[in-house]
């Protein structure tokens, strides 16, 4: 696994959606991040 790919995996584990943002999938990454916040705030 290349260093960039490994970095994206680690960011994705830490902050769901951030890996997609790093891979230029801005809409999908933002949507996943917002959904995570919504789920965490409803607990």
Protein backbone atom coordinates (compact mmCIF):
# COMPACT_ATOMS: atom_id res chain seq x y z
CA UNK A 1 0.00 0.00 0.00
CA UNK A 2 1.36 3.40 -0.96
CA UNK A 3 1.89 6.09 1.66
CA UNK A 4 -0.90 8.29 0.26
CA UNK A 5 -3.39 5.41 0.31
CA UNK A 6 -2.41 4.51 3.87
CA UNK A 7 -2.85 8.13 4.95
CA UNK A 8 -6.33 8.26 3.42
CA UNK A 9 -7.29 5.05 5.23
CA UNK A 10 -6.13 6.46 8.57
CA UNK A 11 -8.01 9.73 8.03
CA UNK A 12 -11.10 7.82 7.04
CA UNK A 13 -10.96 5.78 10.26
CA UNK A 14 -10.47 8.88 12.40
CA UNK A 15 -13.06 11.06 10.65
CA UNK A 16 -15.58 9.22 8.47
CA UNK A 17 -15.98 11.06 5.18
CA UNK A 18 -12.58 12.74 5.30
CA UNK A 19 -10.99 10.01 3.20
CA UNK A 20 -13.46 10.78 0.42
CA UNK A 21 -12.66 14.48 0.67
CA UNK A 22 -8.95 13.70 0.30
CA UNK A 23 -9.81 11.62 -2.79
CA UNK A 24 -11.58 14.60 -4.39
CA UNK A 25 -15.07 13.23 -3.69
CA UNK A 26 -16.19 16.41 -1.95
CA UNK A 27 -19.96 15.86 -2.05
CA UNK A 28 -19.81 12.27 -0.81
CA UNK A 29 -17.29 13.13 1.91
CA UNK A 30 -19.32 16.08 3.14
CA UNK A 31 -22.49 14.00 3.17
CA UNK A 32 -20.83 11.22 5.19
CA UNK A 33 -19.36 13.71 7.65
CA UNK A 34 -22.72 15.40 8.18
CA UNK A 35 -24.47 12.06 8.63
CA UNK A 36 -21.91 11.06 11.24
CA UNK A 37 -22.49 14.28 13.16
CA UNK A 38 -26.24 13.76 12.96
CA UNK A 39 -25.99 10.22 14.32
CA UNK A 40 -23.57 11.20 17.11
CA UNK A 41 -25.73 14.13 18.22
CA UNK A 42 -28.88 11.99 18.43
CA UNK A 43 -27.42 9.58 20.98
